[in-house]
Amino acid sequence: MSEITVSGSQKRTPPPILRITDAAAERLKALLSEQDDDELLVRLGVEKSGCAGMAYTMDYTDEISPYDTVVDDKGVRVVIDAKALMFLLGTEMDFKTDKMSAQFVFNNPNQVSACGCGESVSITPVDPASCPRNA
């Protein structure tokens, strides 16, 4: 990870854009290994949806646009859609399994609320002025 110089000589490492837990990495590897195309990646994004306003999206992709961000973590490459980046900065992607379900879970510091059914969330985008790169 790169360092950022702040106020002259002070250096700090910016937080990761996305952290992938071991459980999420293993599940992503399993899902991708079931596909016929070895070049496929997972694209992570957000879209307007549900009563809370937004929902996380995951799709397969074989394209990376110049504005997308690619995160390599634990042997998995995830493409973050350019429109979603400011909503997902600092998010941890996990995979949870319990008696009744198995699902990807996003622990997002920018998420301010979720609907009762768990299908949608309210996310406040990161203020670009507060990003370490702009400090």
N, C-alpha and C. Protein backbone atom coordinates (compact mmCIF):
# COMPACT_ATOMS: atom_id res chain seq x y z
N MET A 1 0.85 -1.18 0.00
CA MET A 1 0.00 0.00 0.00
C MET A 1 0.89 1.23 0.00
N SER A 2 0.49 2.24 -0.71
CA SER A 2 1.30 3.45 -0.82
C SER A 2 1.11 4.34 0.40
N GLU A 3 2.11 5.20 0.60
CA GLU A 3 2.03 6.17 1.68
C GLU A 3 1.64 7.51 1.11
N ILE A 4 1.08 8.35 1.96
CA ILE A 4 0.67 9.69 1.57
C ILE A 4 1.38 10.67 2.48
N THR A 5 1.98 11.70 1.91
CA THR A 5 2.61 12.74 2.71
C THR A 5 1.56 13.76 3.09
N VAL A 6 1.47 14.04 4.38
CA VAL A 6 0.49 14.99 4.89
C VAL A 6 1.23 16.08 5.65
N SER A 7 0.92 17.33 5.37
CA SER A 7 1.50 18.48 6.08
C SER A 7 3.02 18.42 6.11
N GLY A 8 3.63 18.40 4.96
CA GLY A 8 5.09 18.44 4.89
C GLY A 8 5.71 17.07 4.92
N SER A 9 6.14 16.61 6.10
CA SER A 9 6.90 15.36 6.18
C SER A 9 6.14 14.21 6.83
N GLN A 10 4.99 14.49 7.39
CA GLN A 10 4.21 13.45 8.03
C GLN A 10 3.70 12.45 7.00
N LYS A 11 3.88 11.14 7.23
CA LYS A 11 3.39 10.14 6.28
C LYS A 11 2.43 9.20 6.97
N ARG A 12 1.42 8.78 6.21
CA ARG A 12 0.50 7.79 6.74
C ARG A 12 0.01 6.92 5.59
N THR A 13 -0.41 5.73 5.91
CA THR A 13 -0.93 4.81 4.92
C THR A 13 -2.44 4.97 4.88
N PRO A 14 -3.01 5.21 3.69
CA PRO A 14 -4.47 5.36 3.62
C PRO A 14 -5.16 4.04 3.93
N PRO A 15 -6.40 4.09 4.41
CA PRO A 15 -7.13 2.85 4.66
C PRO A 15 -7.38 2.13 3.34
N PRO A 16 -7.51 0.81 3.39
CA PRO A 16 -7.77 0.08 2.14
C PRO A 16 -9.15 0.46 1.59
N ILE A 17 -9.27 0.40 0.28
CA ILE A 17 -10.55 0.70 -0.36
C ILE A 17 -11.56 -0.37 0.03
N LEU A 18 -11.11 -1.64 -0.02
CA LEU A 18 -11.98 -2.78 0.30
C LEU A 18 -11.11 -3.85 0.94
N ARG A 19 -11.58 -4.40 2.06
CA ARG A 19 -10.93 -5.54 2.69
C ARG A 19 -11.82 -6.75 2.47
N ILE A 20 -11.21 -7.86 2.11
CA ILE A 20 -11.95 -9.10 1.88
C ILE A 20 -11.54 -10.09 2.96
N THR A 21 -12.50 -10.60 3.71
CA THR A 21 -12.19 -11.57 4.75
C THR A 21 -11.80 -12.91 4.13
N ASP A 22 -11.21 -13.78 4.93
CA ASP A 22 -10.85 -15.12 4.45
C ASP A 22 -12.08 -15.86 3.95
N ALA A 23 -13.19 -15.76 4.69
CA ALA A 23 -14.42 -16.47 4.30
C ALA A 23 -14.94 -15.96 2.96
N ALA A 24 -14.92 -14.64 2.75
CA ALA A 24 -15.39 -14.08 1.48
C ALA A 24 -14.46 -14.47 0.34
N ALA A 25 -13.16 -14.46 0.59
CA ALA A 25 -12.21 -14.83 -0.45
C ALA A 25 -12.42 -16.28 -0.88
N GLU A 26 -12.61 -17.17 0.08
CA GLU A 26 -12.83 -18.59 -0.25
C GLU A 26 -14.12 -18.77 -1.05
N ARG A 27 -15.17 -18.07 -0.66
CA ARG A 27 -16.43 -18.19 -1.39
C ARG A 27 -16.32 -17.61 -2.81
N LEU A 28 -15.65 -16.48 -2.94
CA LEU A 28 -15.45 -15.90 -4.27
C LEU A 28 -14.63 -16.84 -5.16
N LYS A 29 -13.59 -17.43 -4.60
CA LYS A 29 -12.78 -18.38 -5.38
C LYS A 29 -13.63 -19.56 -5.83
N ALA A 30 -14.48 -20.06 -4.94
CA ALA A 30 -15.35 -21.19 -5.29
C ALA A 30 -16.33 -20.80 -6.38
N LEU A 31 -16.95 -19.64 -6.27
CA LEU A 31 -17.90 -19.18 -7.29
C LEU A 31 -17.22 -18.99 -8.64
N LEU A 32 -16.06 -18.38 -8.63
CA LEU A 32 -15.36 -18.14 -9.89
C LEU A 32 -14.85 -19.43 -10.52
N SER A 33 -14.49 -20.41 -9.70
CA SER A 33 -14.00 -21.68 -10.25
C SER A 33 -15.11 -22.47 -10.93
N GLU A 34 -16.36 -22.19 -10.60
CA GLU A 34 -17.50 -22.87 -11.23
C GLU A 34 -17.84 -22.31 -12.60
N GLN A 35 -17.24 -21.17 -12.98
CA GLN A 35 -17.53 -20.52 -14.25
C GLN A 35 -16.65 -21.11 -15.36
N ASP A 36 -17.14 -21.04 -16.58
CA ASP A 36 -16.40 -21.56 -17.73
C ASP A 36 -15.29 -20.62 -18.19
N ASP A 37 -15.33 -19.38 -17.78
CA ASP A 37 -14.39 -18.36 -18.24
C ASP A 37 -13.38 -18.04 -17.13
N ASP A 38 -12.11 -18.35 -17.36
CA ASP A 38 -11.08 -18.09 -16.36
C ASP A 38 -10.76 -16.61 -16.19
N GLU A 39 -11.24 -15.78 -17.11
CA GLU A 39 -10.96 -14.35 -17.08
C GLU A 39 -12.02 -13.57 -16.29
N LEU A 40 -13.07 -14.24 -15.82
CA LEU A 40 -14.14 -13.54 -15.10
C LEU A 40 -13.66 -13.02 -13.76
N LEU A 41 -14.18 -11.86 -13.41
CA LEU A 41 -13.97 -11.26 -12.10
C LEU A 41 -15.34 -10.95 -11.51
N VAL A 42 -15.35 -10.54 -10.26
CA VAL A 42 -16.59 -10.10 -9.63
C VAL A 42 -16.57 -8.57 -9.60
N ARG A 43 -17.68 -7.97 -10.04
CA ARG A 43 -17.84 -6.51 -10.00
C ARG A 43 -18.76 -6.18 -8.83
N LEU A 44 -18.30 -5.28 -7.98
CA LEU A 44 -19.06 -4.84 -6.82
C LEU A 44 -19.53 -3.42 -7.06
N GLY A 45 -20.79 -3.16 -6.75
CA GLY A 45 -21.33 -1.82 -6.93
C GLY A 45 -22.48 -1.55 -5.99
N VAL A 46 -23.14 -0.43 -6.19
CA VAL A 46 -24.35 -0.09 -5.46
C VAL A 46 -25.35 0.45 -6.48
N GLU A 47 -26.63 0.29 -6.17
CA GLU A 47 -27.68 0.82 -7.04
C GLU A 47 -28.82 1.33 -6.18
N LYS A 48 -29.61 2.22 -6.74
CA LYS A 48 -30.79 2.70 -6.03
C LYS A 48 -31.79 1.57 -5.96
N SER A 49 -32.27 1.29 -4.73
CA SER A 49 -33.18 0.16 -4.55
C SER A 49 -33.76 0.17 -3.15
N GLY A 50 -34.95 -0.38 -3.02
CA GLY A 50 -35.56 -0.65 -1.73
C GLY A 50 -35.97 0.58 -0.93
N CYS A 51 -36.47 0.31 0.25
CA CYS A 51 -37.01 1.38 1.08
C CYS A 51 -35.94 2.23 1.74
N ALA A 52 -34.72 1.69 1.90
CA ALA A 52 -33.65 2.48 2.52
C ALA A 52 -32.86 3.27 1.49
N GLY A 53 -33.05 2.97 0.21
CA GLY A 53 -32.45 3.80 -0.82
C GLY A 53 -31.43 3.15 -1.73
N MET A 54 -30.61 2.22 -1.20
CA MET A 54 -29.57 1.61 -2.02
C MET A 54 -29.40 0.13 -1.68
N ALA A 55 -28.79 -0.59 -2.61
CA ALA A 55 -28.48 -2.00 -2.38
C ALA A 55 -27.11 -2.29 -2.98
N TYR A 56 -26.40 -3.21 -2.35
CA TYR A 56 -25.12 -3.66 -2.89
C TYR A 56 -25.41 -4.58 -4.07
N THR A 57 -24.55 -4.52 -5.09
CA THR A 57 -24.69 -5.39 -6.24
C THR A 57 -23.40 -6.16 -6.46
N MET A 58 -23.54 -7.38 -6.95
CA MET A 58 -22.40 -8.21 -7.32
C MET A 58 -22.75 -8.89 -8.63
N ASP A 59 -21.85 -8.80 -9.60
CA ASP A 59 -22.06 -9.41 -10.89
C ASP A 59 -20.72 -9.96 -11.38
N TYR A 60 -20.79 -10.90 -12.31
CA TYR A 60 -19.58 -11.35 -13.00
C TYR A 60 -19.26 -10.35 -14.10
N THR A 61 -17.97 -10.16 -14.37
CA THR A 61 -17.56 -9.28 -15.46
C THR A 61 -16.25 -9.77 -16.05
N ASP A 62 -16.05 -9.45 -17.31
CA ASP A 62 -14.75 -9.70 -17.92
C ASP A 62 -14.18 -8.38 -18.45
N GLU A 63 -14.78 -7.26 -18.02
CA GLU A 63 -14.35 -5.94 -18.47
C GLU A 63 -14.01 -5.07 -17.27
N ILE A 64 -12.94 -4.31 -17.45
CA ILE A 64 -12.55 -3.32 -16.45
C ILE A 64 -12.44 -1.99 -17.19
N SER A 65 -13.28 -1.04 -16.81
CA SER A 65 -13.23 0.27 -17.47
C SER A 65 -12.07 1.07 -16.88
N PRO A 66 -11.62 2.10 -17.58
CA PRO A 66 -10.50 2.90 -17.09
C PRO A 66 -10.79 3.57 -15.74
N TYR A 67 -12.06 3.76 -15.40
CA TYR A 67 -12.41 4.43 -14.16
C TYR A 67 -12.72 3.47 -13.01
N ASP A 68 -12.79 2.19 -13.28
CA ASP A 68 -13.02 1.19 -12.24
C ASP A 68 -11.78 1.06 -11.37
N THR A 69 -11.97 0.53 -10.17
CA THR A 69 -10.87 0.24 -9.27
C THR A 69 -10.80 -1.27 -9.08
N VAL A 70 -9.62 -1.83 -9.19
CA VAL A 70 -9.44 -3.26 -8.98
C VAL A 70 -8.73 -3.47 -7.64
N VAL A 71 -9.34 -4.30 -6.80
CA VAL A 71 -8.77 -4.62 -5.50
C VAL A 71 -8.30 -6.07 -5.53
N ASP A 72 -7.03 -6.28 -5.19
CA ASP A 72 -6.47 -7.62 -5.06
C ASP A 72 -6.27 -7.89 -3.58
N ASP A 73 -6.94 -8.91 -3.06
CA ASP A 73 -6.83 -9.23 -1.64
C ASP A 73 -7.05 -10.73 -1.46
N LYS A 74 -6.13 -11.38 -0.77
CA LYS A 74 -6.24 -12.80 -0.45
C LYS A 74 -6.43 -13.69 -1.68
N GLY A 75 -5.77 -13.33 -2.77
CA GLY A 75 -5.83 -14.14 -3.98
C GLY A 75 -7.07 -13.95 -4.81
N VAL A 76 -7.83 -12.90 -4.55
CA VAL A 76 -9.07 -12.62 -5.28
C VAL A 76 -8.97 -11.20 -5.84
N ARG A 77 -9.43 -11.03 -7.07
CA ARG A 77 -9.52 -9.70 -7.67
C ARG A 77 -10.99 -9.32 -7.76
N VAL A 78 -11.32 -8.14 -7.22
CA VAL A 78 -12.68 -7.62 -7.26
C VAL A 78 -12.64 -6.26 -7.94
N VAL A 79 -13.54 -6.04 -8.89
CA VAL A 79 -13.65 -4.77 -9.58
C VAL A 79 -14.71 -3.94 -8.87
N ILE A 80 -14.35 -2.72 -8.51
CA ILE A 80 -15.32 -1.82 -7.90
C ILE A 80 -15.75 -0.83 -8.97
N ASP A 81 -17.04 -0.81 -9.22
CA ASP A 81 -17.61 0.09 -10.21
C ASP A 81 -17.28 1.52 -9.83
N ALA A 82 -16.87 2.31 -10.81
CA ALA A 82 -16.46 3.69 -10.56
C ALA A 82 -17.53 4.50 -9.84
N LYS A 83 -18.79 4.27 -10.17
CA LYS A 83 -19.89 5.04 -9.54
C LYS A 83 -20.08 4.65 -8.08
N ALA A 84 -19.55 3.51 -7.67
CA ALA A 84 -19.76 3.04 -6.30
C ALA A 84 -18.59 3.32 -5.37
N LEU A 85 -17.47 3.73 -5.92
CA LEU A 85 -16.25 3.85 -5.12
C LEU A 85 -16.42 4.71 -3.88
N MET A 86 -17.00 5.89 -4.01
CA MET A 86 -17.12 6.78 -2.85
C MET A 86 -18.11 6.26 -1.80
N PHE A 87 -18.96 5.30 -2.18
CA PHE A 87 -19.88 4.70 -1.22
C PHE A 87 -19.24 3.51 -0.50
N LEU A 88 -18.18 2.93 -1.10
CA LEU A 88 -17.62 1.68 -0.59
C LEU A 88 -16.26 1.82 0.07
N LEU A 89 -15.68 3.01 0.07
CA LEU A 89 -14.36 3.19 0.68
C LEU A 89 -14.34 2.69 2.12
N GLY A 90 -13.39 1.84 2.44
CA GLY A 90 -13.23 1.33 3.79
C GLY A 90 -14.11 0.14 4.14
N THR A 91 -14.84 -0.41 3.17
CA THR A 91 -15.77 -1.51 3.43
C THR A 91 -15.04 -2.84 3.59
N GLU A 92 -15.55 -3.67 4.47
CA GLU A 92 -15.08 -5.04 4.61
C GLU A 92 -16.14 -5.96 4.01
N MET A 93 -15.71 -6.82 3.09
CA MET A 93 -16.60 -7.80 2.47
C MET A 93 -16.39 -9.14 3.17
N ASP A 94 -17.46 -9.69 3.72
CA ASP A 94 -17.40 -10.95 4.47
C ASP A 94 -18.41 -11.92 3.87
N PHE A 95 -18.31 -13.17 4.26
CA PHE A 95 -19.28 -14.18 3.86
C PHE A 95 -19.70 -14.92 5.12
N LYS A 96 -21.00 -14.89 5.42
CA LYS A 96 -21.54 -15.49 6.65
C LYS A 96 -22.47 -16.64 6.30
N THR A 97 -22.39 -17.68 7.08
CA THR A 97 -23.28 -18.83 6.93
C THR A 97 -23.91 -19.12 8.28
N ASP A 98 -25.24 -19.29 8.29
CA ASP A 98 -25.91 -19.72 9.51
C ASP A 98 -26.90 -20.83 9.14
N LYS A 99 -27.76 -21.19 10.06
CA LYS A 99 -28.68 -22.32 9.82
C LYS A 99 -29.63 -22.09 8.65
N MET A 100 -29.99 -20.84 8.39
CA MET A 100 -31.02 -20.57 7.39
C MET A 100 -30.51 -19.86 6.13
N SER A 101 -29.26 -19.38 6.15
CA SER A 101 -28.81 -18.63 4.98
C SER A 101 -27.29 -18.63 4.87
N ALA A 102 -26.84 -18.26 3.69
CA ALA A 102 -25.42 -18.01 3.43
C ALA A 102 -25.39 -16.80 2.51
N GLN A 103 -24.62 -15.78 2.89
CA GLN A 103 -24.64 -14.55 2.09
C GLN A 103 -23.39 -13.72 2.32
N PHE A 104 -23.09 -12.88 1.31
CA PHE A 104 -22.04 -11.89 1.47
C PHE A 104 -22.59 -10.78 2.34
N VAL A 105 -21.74 -10.28 3.23
CA VAL A 105 -22.12 -9.22 4.16
C VAL A 105 -21.11 -8.09 3.98
N PHE A 106 -21.60 -6.86 3.93
CA PHE A 106 -20.73 -5.71 3.75
C PHE A 106 -20.74 -4.87 5.02
N ASN A 107 -19.60 -4.82 5.69
CA ASN A 107 -19.43 -3.99 6.88
C ASN A 107 -18.86 -2.66 6.39
N ASN A 108 -19.76 -1.70 6.20
CA ASN A 108 -19.42 -0.46 5.52
C ASN A 108 -19.50 0.71 6.50
N PRO A 109 -18.37 1.40 6.74
CA PRO A 109 -18.41 2.54 7.67
C PRO A 109 -19.24 3.71 7.15
N ASN A 110 -19.58 3.68 5.87
CA ASN A 110 -20.38 4.76 5.26
C ASN A 110 -21.88 4.47 5.32
N GLN A 111 -22.24 3.27 5.76
CA GLN A 111 -23.65 2.89 5.85
C GLN A 111 -24.25 3.49 7.11
N VAL A 112 -25.32 4.23 6.94
CA VAL A 112 -25.92 4.90 8.10
C VAL A 112 -27.17 4.19 8.62
N SER A 113 -27.81 3.37 7.78
CA SER A 113 -28.98 2.61 8.24
C SER A 113 -29.29 1.51 7.25
N ALA A 114 -30.19 0.63 7.65
CA ALA A 114 -30.66 -0.45 6.77
C ALA A 114 -32.15 -0.64 7.01
N CYS A 115 -32.82 -1.17 6.00
CA CYS A 115 -34.25 -1.41 6.17
C CYS A 115 -34.45 -2.66 7.04
N GLY A 116 -35.64 -2.85 7.51
CA GLY A 116 -35.93 -3.97 8.40
C GLY A 116 -35.75 -5.33 7.76
N CYS A 117 -36.00 -5.43 6.47
CA CYS A 117 -35.87 -6.73 5.81
C CYS A 117 -34.43 -7.05 5.41
N GLY A 118 -33.55 -6.07 5.49
CA GLY A 118 -32.15 -6.29 5.17
C GLY A 118 -31.81 -6.26 3.69
N GLU A 119 -32.75 -5.87 2.86
CA GLU A 119 -32.50 -5.86 1.42
C GLU A 119 -31.89 -4.56 0.91
N SER A 120 -32.05 -3.46 1.64
CA SER A 120 -31.49 -2.21 1.18
C SER A 120 -30.87 -1.45 2.35
N VAL A 121 -30.00 -0.50 2.01
CA VAL A 121 -29.25 0.27 3.00
C VAL A 121 -29.24 1.73 2.61
N SER A 122 -28.92 2.56 3.57
CA SER A 122 -28.69 3.98 3.31
C SER A 122 -27.20 4.21 3.49
N ILE A 123 -26.55 4.74 2.45
CA ILE A 123 -25.10 4.94 2.48
C ILE A 123 -24.81 6.40 2.17
N THR A 124 -23.96 7.01 2.97
CA THR A 124 -23.50 8.36 2.71
C THR A 124 -22.15 8.27 2.02
N PRO A 125 -21.99 8.86 0.85
CA PRO A 125 -20.69 8.78 0.17
C PRO A 125 -19.62 9.52 0.96
N VAL A 126 -18.40 9.08 0.81
CA VAL A 126 -17.26 9.74 1.44
C VAL A 126 -17.12 11.13 0.83
N ASP A 127 -16.87 12.12 1.67
CA ASP A 127 -16.62 13.47 1.19
C ASP A 127 -15.22 13.50 0.59
N PRO A 128 -15.09 13.81 -0.70
CA PRO A 128 -13.75 13.81 -1.33
C PRO A 128 -12.75 14.71 -0.61
N ALA A 129 -13.21 15.78 0.02
CA ALA A 129 -12.31 16.69 0.73
C ALA A 129 -11.68 16.02 1.95
N SER A 130 -12.33 14.98 2.48
CA SER A 130 -11.82 14.31 3.66
C SER A 130 -10.90 13.14 3.32
N CYS A 131 -10.77 12.81 2.03
CA CYS A 131 -9.91 11.71 1.61
C CYS A 131 -8.45 12.07 1.86
N PRO A 132 -7.64 11.11 2.30
CA PRO A 132 -6.23 11.40 2.56
C PRO A 132 -5.50 11.94 1.33
N ARG A 133 -5.93 11.55 0.14
CA ARG A 133 -5.25 12.00 -1.07
C ARG A 133 -5.46 13.48 -1.32
N ASN A 134 -6.50 14.04 -0.72
CA ASN A 134 -6.80 15.46 -0.92
C ASN A 134 -6.38 16.33 0.26
N ALA A 135 -5.82 15.68 1.27
CA ALA A 135 -5.44 16.44 2.48
C ALA A 135 -4.15 17.22 2.26
